[in-house]
Amino acid sequence: MTVTSPEFLARLVDDARADGVTGFVAGAVVTDADRVLLVRRNPEDFMGGMWEIPSGKVEDGETVLEALHRETAEETGLTIETVSGYIGHFDYPNSRGGTTRQFNFAVTVAKTEPIVLTEHDAHQWAFPGELPEVSDAVRQLIGS
């Protein structure tokens, strides 16, 4: 079963619901050579100033994969070409008092430039061993 199969994606969501998770986010680990794309949350946002991978909420009626493609394009202007693997999830408390699970995928994009930010105030391509201020979950995900 591939990571893009409807059965695999449905199982991810079903398992999260069984764990009491109420929100779902899709995250993209976009790489260019040995570097990973990071975006910084606006200072006035929830967790403002924190660096993260492009990610966003799975909307009602949308699959995790659809959200992954949409959010990556909306937040960076980049188009996902291939979803090459599922690299795990992490949970965190959300601003509504519940728990959100972020499902993370390794992706390749058609072109790495230009980056067009719509929800973040900066971006950078970082080496896994030289990450800026990211959450422990993102640090573990990227493998530094």
Protein backbone atom coordinates (compact mmCIF):
# COMPACT_ATOMS: atom_id res chain seq x y z
CA MET A 1 0.00 0.00 0.00
CA THR A 2 1.46 3.36 -1.00
CA VAL A 3 1.44 6.47 1.18
CA THR A 4 -0.82 8.16 -1.34
CA SER A 5 -3.47 5.42 -1.36
CA PRO A 6 -6.90 6.37 -0.02
CA GLU A 7 -6.75 3.39 2.37
CA PHE A 8 -3.45 4.48 3.92
CA LEU A 9 -4.60 8.08 4.32
CA ALA A 10 -7.96 7.02 5.82
CA ARG A 11 -6.14 4.81 8.33
CA LEU A 12 -3.99 7.76 9.45
CA VAL A 13 -7.11 9.83 10.18
CA ASP A 14 -8.98 6.91 11.80
CA ASP A 15 -6.03 6.21 14.11
CA ALA A 16 -5.82 9.89 15.07
CA ARG A 17 -9.55 10.03 15.86
CA ALA A 18 -9.18 6.89 18.00
CA ASP A 19 -6.48 8.76 19.94
CA GLY A 20 -8.89 11.65 20.61
CA VAL A 21 -7.30 14.04 18.12
CA THR A 22 -9.71 16.75 16.93
CA GLY A 23 -7.69 18.66 14.32
CA PHE A 24 -5.66 17.51 11.35
CA VAL A 25 -2.78 19.23 9.55
CA ALA A 26 -0.72 18.14 6.53
CA GLY A 27 2.98 19.09 6.48
CA ALA A 28 5.46 19.03 3.60
CA VAL A 29 9.16 18.37 4.02
CA VAL A 30 10.44 20.05 0.87
CA THR A 31 14.12 19.43 0.16
CA ASP A 32 16.64 20.93 -2.23
CA ALA A 33 19.89 18.96 -2.26
CA ASP A 34 20.66 18.51 1.47
CA ARG A 35 18.57 21.45 2.68
CA VAL A 36 14.97 21.62 3.87
CA LEU A 37 12.54 24.49 3.34
CA LEU A 38 11.43 26.28 6.50
CA VAL A 39 8.95 29.13 6.87
CA ARG A 40 8.59 31.46 9.87
CA ARG A 41 5.24 32.17 11.52
CA ASN A 42 4.22 35.81 11.70
CA PRO A 43 4.95 37.29 15.14
CA GLU A 44 1.26 37.95 15.90
CA ASP A 45 0.17 34.38 15.00
CA PHE A 46 -0.24 31.42 17.37
CA MET A 47 3.36 30.30 18.10
CA GLY A 48 4.57 33.47 16.37
CA GLY A 49 8.22 33.65 15.30
CA MET A 50 8.62 29.87 15.24
CA TRP A 51 10.11 28.25 12.14
CA GLU A 52 8.21 25.29 10.69
CA ILE A 53 7.74 23.25 7.56
CA PRO A 54 4.96 24.33 5.17
CA SER A 55 1.78 22.92 6.64
CA GLY A 56 -1.87 23.63 7.12
CA LYS A 57 -5.27 22.48 8.23
CA VAL A 58 -7.13 19.68 6.50
CA GLU A 59 -10.48 21.28 5.67
CA ASP A 60 -13.84 19.50 5.94
CA GLY A 61 -14.41 17.29 2.90
CA GLU A 62 -10.72 17.34 1.97
CA THR A 63 -8.24 14.45 2.17
CA VAL A 64 -4.89 14.78 3.89
CA LEU A 65 -3.19 14.58 0.49
CA GLU A 66 -5.40 17.30 -1.00
CA ALA A 67 -4.58 19.54 1.97
CA LEU A 68 -0.87 18.82 1.53
CA HIS A 69 -0.92 19.99 -2.09
CA ARG A 70 -3.18 22.98 -1.43
CA GLU A 71 -1.38 24.25 1.68
CA THR A 72 2.08 23.91 0.13
CA ALA A 73 0.96 25.91 -2.90
CA GLU A 74 -0.87 28.52 -0.79
CA GLU A 75 1.96 29.05 1.69
CA THR A 76 4.97 28.91 -0.64
CA GLY A 77 3.78 29.18 -4.24
CA LEU A 78 5.45 25.82 -4.92
CA THR A 79 3.75 22.91 -6.69
CA ILE A 80 4.27 19.42 -5.31
CA GLU A 81 5.40 17.08 -8.04
CA THR A 82 5.77 13.85 -6.02
CA VAL A 83 4.85 12.65 -2.55
CA SER A 84 7.74 10.28 -1.92
CA GLY A 85 6.99 9.09 1.59
CA TYR A 86 5.16 9.43 4.88
CA ILE A 87 7.65 10.45 7.54
CA GLY A 88 5.48 10.41 10.62
CA HIS A 89 3.28 12.62 12.72
CA PHE A 90 3.34 14.66 15.88
CA ASP A 91 0.59 16.01 18.10
CA TYR A 92 0.32 19.44 19.69
CA PRO A 93 -2.26 21.47 21.60
CA ASN A 94 -4.15 23.83 19.30
CA SER A 95 -5.47 27.32 19.96
CA ARG A 96 -9.01 25.91 20.47
CA GLY A 97 -8.04 23.75 23.45
CA GLY A 98 -7.96 20.44 21.57
CA THR A 99 -5.20 18.34 20.07
CA THR A 100 -4.02 18.61 16.48
CA ARG A 101 -2.11 15.86 14.68
CA GLN A 102 0.26 16.93 11.92
CA PHE A 103 0.85 14.26 9.25
CA ASN A 104 4.19 14.87 7.50
CA PHE A 105 5.26 13.81 4.03
CA ALA A 106 8.50 13.99 2.07
CA VAL A 107 7.79 15.77 -1.20
CA THR A 108 9.54 16.98 -4.30
CA VAL A 109 8.46 20.16 -6.00
CA ALA A 110 8.43 21.07 -9.67
CA LYS A 111 10.70 24.12 -9.04
CA THR A 112 12.27 25.39 -5.79
CA GLU A 113 12.04 29.06 -6.83
CA PRO A 114 10.46 31.48 -6.51
CA ILE A 115 9.09 31.14 -2.97
CA VAL A 116 5.98 33.29 -2.61
CA LEU A 117 4.96 33.64 1.05
CA THR A 118 1.34 34.42 1.91
CA GLU A 119 1.07 33.43 5.59
CA HIS A 120 4.66 33.63 6.87
CA ASP A 121 7.13 36.49 7.18
CA ALA A 122 10.32 34.69 6.05
CA HIS A 123 11.69 31.49 4.55
CA GLN A 124 15.05 29.77 4.42
CA TRP A 125 16.65 26.60 3.13
CA ALA A 126 18.39 25.06 6.16
CA PHE A 127 20.72 22.13 6.65
CA PRO A 128 19.24 19.61 9.13
CA GLY A 129 22.16 20.14 11.54
CA GLU A 130 21.83 23.94 11.42
CA LEU A 131 18.15 24.60 12.10
CA PRO A 132 16.86 27.91 13.44
CA GLU A 133 14.24 28.04 16.23
CA VAL A 134 11.95 25.11 15.42
CA SER A 135 9.83 22.97 17.74
CA ASP A 136 11.37 19.80 19.14
CA ALA A 137 8.88 17.82 17.01
CA VAL A 138 10.08 19.48 13.79
CA ARG A 139 13.72 19.04 14.84
CA GLN A 140 13.14 15.30 15.35
CA LEU A 141 11.17 15.04 12.11
CA ILE A 142 13.94 16.59 10.03
CA GLY A 143 16.51 14.43 11.77
CA SER A 144 19.06 16.82 13.19
